[in-house]
């Protein structure tokens, strides 16, 4: 049954989305780690950009899920 926001998520949907959030968070942490380890400024910046990209995806998915409550 849809809630007030119109979202209809099954327990399987929620499980898949939880796994996806976990993977995105891990990708962000790995990219941030590499950004801190690289000596080359271009690689450092690239890794930081990748981390930011993952963080934005995480935030968007998290916001979507919060809107489905």
N, C-alpha and C. Protein backbone atom coordinates (compact mmCIF):
# COMPACT_ATOMS: atom_id res chain seq x y z
N UNK A 1 0.85 -1.18 0.00
CA UNK A 1 0.00 0.00 0.00
C UNK A 1 0.89 1.24 0.00
N UNK A 2 0.63 2.22 -0.87
CA UNK A 2 1.45 3.43 -0.92
C UNK A 2 1.25 4.28 0.33
N UNK A 3 2.32 4.95 0.73
CA UNK A 3 2.20 5.88 1.84
C UNK A 3 1.84 7.25 1.31
N UNK A 4 1.88 8.28 2.15
CA UNK A 4 1.46 9.62 1.74
C UNK A 4 2.29 10.18 0.60
N UNK A 5 3.54 9.79 0.49
CA UNK A 5 4.40 10.33 -0.58
C UNK A 5 4.25 9.55 -1.88
N UNK A 6 3.46 8.49 -1.88
CA UNK A 6 3.23 7.72 -3.09
C UNK A 6 4.21 6.57 -3.28
N UNK A 7 5.14 6.37 -2.36
CA UNK A 7 6.12 5.29 -2.48
C UNK A 7 5.51 3.96 -2.04
N UNK A 8 5.83 2.95 -2.78
CA UNK A 8 5.44 1.60 -2.42
C UNK A 8 6.70 0.74 -2.49
N UNK A 9 7.24 0.40 -1.33
CA UNK A 9 8.46 -0.38 -1.28
C UNK A 9 8.20 -1.66 -0.50
N UNK A 10 8.59 -2.78 -1.10
CA UNK A 10 8.48 -4.06 -0.42
C UNK A 10 9.70 -4.25 0.47
N UNK A 11 9.67 -5.27 1.28
CA UNK A 11 10.83 -5.56 2.13
C UNK A 11 12.04 -5.93 1.26
N UNK A 12 11.78 -6.58 0.13
CA UNK A 12 12.87 -6.90 -0.81
C UNK A 12 13.46 -5.63 -1.39
N UNK A 13 12.61 -4.67 -1.77
CA UNK A 13 13.08 -3.38 -2.28
C UNK A 13 13.98 -2.70 -1.24
N UNK A 14 13.51 -2.68 0.00
CA UNK A 14 14.28 -2.03 1.06
C UNK A 14 15.62 -2.72 1.29
N UNK A 15 15.62 -4.04 1.19
CA UNK A 15 16.86 -4.79 1.36
C UNK A 15 17.86 -4.44 0.26
N UNK A 16 17.38 -4.38 -0.97
CA UNK A 16 18.25 -4.04 -2.10
C UNK A 16 18.79 -2.62 -1.94
N UNK A 17 17.93 -1.69 -1.55
CA UNK A 17 18.35 -0.30 -1.37
C UNK A 17 19.34 -0.16 -0.21
N UNK A 18 19.14 -0.93 0.84
CA UNK A 18 20.09 -0.92 1.96
C UNK A 18 21.46 -1.41 1.49
N UNK A 19 21.47 -2.48 0.72
CA UNK A 19 22.73 -2.98 0.17
C UNK A 19 23.39 -1.93 -0.72
N UNK A 20 22.58 -1.25 -1.54
CA UNK A 20 23.11 -0.23 -2.42
C UNK A 20 23.73 0.92 -1.63
N UNK A 21 23.05 1.35 -0.57
CA UNK A 21 23.61 2.41 0.29
C UNK A 21 24.95 1.97 0.89
N UNK A 22 25.03 0.72 1.29
CA UNK A 22 26.27 0.20 1.86
C UNK A 22 27.39 0.23 0.83
N UNK A 23 27.10 -0.18 -0.38
CA UNK A 23 28.12 -0.19 -1.45
C UNK A 23 28.55 1.22 -1.83
N UNK A 24 27.60 2.13 -1.91
CA UNK A 24 27.94 3.52 -2.24
C UNK A 24 28.80 4.13 -1.14
N UNK A 25 28.45 3.89 0.11
CA UNK A 25 29.23 4.42 1.22
C UNK A 25 30.65 3.87 1.20
N UNK A 26 30.79 2.58 0.91
CA UNK A 26 32.11 1.96 0.83
C UNK A 26 32.92 2.59 -0.30
N UNK A 27 32.30 2.80 -1.44
CA UNK A 27 32.99 3.41 -2.58
C UNK A 27 33.47 4.81 -2.23
N UNK A 28 32.65 5.55 -1.52
CA UNK A 28 33.02 6.90 -1.10
C UNK A 28 34.23 6.85 -0.16
N UNK A 29 34.19 5.95 0.81
CA UNK A 29 35.32 5.83 1.75
C UNK A 29 36.61 5.43 1.04
N UNK A 30 36.52 4.51 0.09
CA UNK A 30 37.71 4.06 -0.65
C UNK A 30 38.29 5.23 -1.46
N UNK A 31 37.43 5.95 -2.14
CA UNK A 31 37.90 7.09 -2.94
C UNK A 31 38.53 8.16 -2.05
N UNK A 32 37.93 8.43 -0.90
CA UNK A 32 38.52 9.41 0.02
C UNK A 32 39.86 8.94 0.56
N UNK A 33 39.97 7.65 0.81
CA UNK A 33 41.25 7.09 1.26
C UNK A 33 42.32 7.33 0.20
N UNK A 34 41.99 7.02 -1.03
CA UNK A 34 42.96 7.20 -2.12
C UNK A 34 43.28 8.68 -2.32
N UNK A 35 42.31 9.54 -2.16
CA UNK A 35 42.56 10.98 -2.30
C UNK A 35 43.60 11.43 -1.27
N UNK A 36 43.57 10.82 -0.11
CA UNK A 36 44.55 11.16 0.92
C UNK A 36 45.91 10.53 0.71
N UNK A 37 45.97 9.48 -0.08
CA UNK A 37 47.22 8.75 -0.29
C UNK A 37 48.00 9.19 -1.53
N UNK A 38 47.29 9.64 -2.56
CA UNK A 38 47.96 10.03 -3.79
C UNK A 38 48.88 11.23 -3.57
N UNK A 39 50.05 11.20 -4.19
CA UNK A 39 50.97 12.32 -4.16
C UNK A 39 50.73 13.25 -5.36
N UNK A 40 50.33 12.67 -6.48
CA UNK A 40 50.07 13.43 -7.69
C UNK A 40 48.80 14.27 -7.49
N UNK A 41 48.90 15.60 -7.62
CA UNK A 41 47.74 16.47 -7.39
C UNK A 41 46.55 16.16 -8.30
N UNK A 42 46.82 15.76 -9.54
CA UNK A 42 45.72 15.43 -10.45
C UNK A 42 44.97 14.18 -10.00
N UNK A 43 45.72 13.17 -9.58
CA UNK A 43 45.09 11.95 -9.08
C UNK A 43 44.35 12.21 -7.77
N UNK A 44 44.95 13.02 -6.91
CA UNK A 44 44.32 13.39 -5.64
C UNK A 44 42.98 14.06 -5.90
N UNK A 45 42.97 15.01 -6.84
CA UNK A 45 41.74 15.73 -7.17
C UNK A 45 40.71 14.79 -7.81
N UNK A 46 41.16 13.92 -8.68
CA UNK A 46 40.25 12.97 -9.32
C UNK A 46 39.59 12.06 -8.28
N UNK A 47 40.38 11.54 -7.37
CA UNK A 47 39.83 10.67 -6.33
C UNK A 47 38.84 11.44 -5.44
N UNK A 48 39.14 12.70 -5.13
CA UNK A 48 38.23 13.51 -4.33
C UNK A 48 36.92 13.77 -5.09
N UNK A 49 37.03 13.98 -6.38
CA UNK A 49 35.83 14.18 -7.21
C UNK A 49 34.98 12.91 -7.25
N UNK A 50 35.63 11.77 -7.38
CA UNK A 50 34.90 10.49 -7.38
C UNK A 50 34.20 10.30 -6.03
N UNK A 51 34.89 10.61 -4.95
CA UNK A 51 34.29 10.49 -3.61
C UNK A 51 33.07 11.40 -3.49
N UNK A 52 33.19 12.62 -3.98
CA UNK A 52 32.07 13.56 -3.92
C UNK A 52 30.89 13.03 -4.75
N UNK A 53 31.18 12.46 -5.90
CA UNK A 53 30.15 11.89 -6.76
C UNK A 53 29.39 10.78 -6.01
N UNK A 54 30.13 9.89 -5.36
CA UNK A 54 29.50 8.82 -4.59
C UNK A 54 28.68 9.39 -3.43
N UNK A 55 29.21 10.41 -2.78
CA UNK A 55 28.49 11.03 -1.66
C UNK A 55 27.16 11.63 -2.12
N UNK A 56 27.17 12.27 -3.28
CA UNK A 56 25.94 12.84 -3.82
C UNK A 56 24.92 11.76 -4.13
N UNK A 57 25.36 10.63 -4.67
CA UNK A 57 24.45 9.51 -4.94
C UNK A 57 23.89 8.96 -3.63
N UNK A 58 24.76 8.82 -2.63
CA UNK A 58 24.31 8.33 -1.33
C UNK A 58 23.25 9.26 -0.75
N UNK A 59 23.54 10.55 -0.76
CA UNK A 59 22.61 11.54 -0.20
C UNK A 59 21.27 11.53 -0.93
N UNK A 60 21.31 11.41 -2.26
CA UNK A 60 20.07 11.39 -3.04
C UNK A 60 19.24 10.15 -2.73
N UNK A 61 19.87 9.00 -2.65
CA UNK A 61 19.15 7.77 -2.34
C UNK A 61 18.60 7.80 -0.92
N UNK A 62 19.40 8.31 0.00
CA UNK A 62 18.97 8.42 1.40
C UNK A 62 17.77 9.36 1.52
N UNK A 63 17.82 10.49 0.81
CA UNK A 63 16.71 11.45 0.83
C UNK A 63 15.45 10.81 0.24
N UNK A 64 15.61 10.05 -0.84
CA UNK A 64 14.48 9.35 -1.43
C UNK A 64 13.84 8.42 -0.40
N UNK A 65 14.67 7.64 0.28
CA UNK A 65 14.14 6.69 1.26
C UNK A 65 13.46 7.42 2.43
N UNK A 66 14.03 8.53 2.86
CA UNK A 66 13.39 9.30 3.94
C UNK A 66 12.05 9.86 3.49
N UNK A 67 11.94 10.19 2.21
CA UNK A 67 10.67 10.69 1.69
C UNK A 67 9.62 9.61 1.55
N UNK A 68 10.02 8.37 1.60
CA UNK A 68 9.09 7.25 1.46
C UNK A 68 8.54 6.77 2.80
N UNK A 69 8.92 7.40 3.85
CA UNK A 69 8.45 6.95 5.17
C UNK A 69 7.01 7.30 5.40
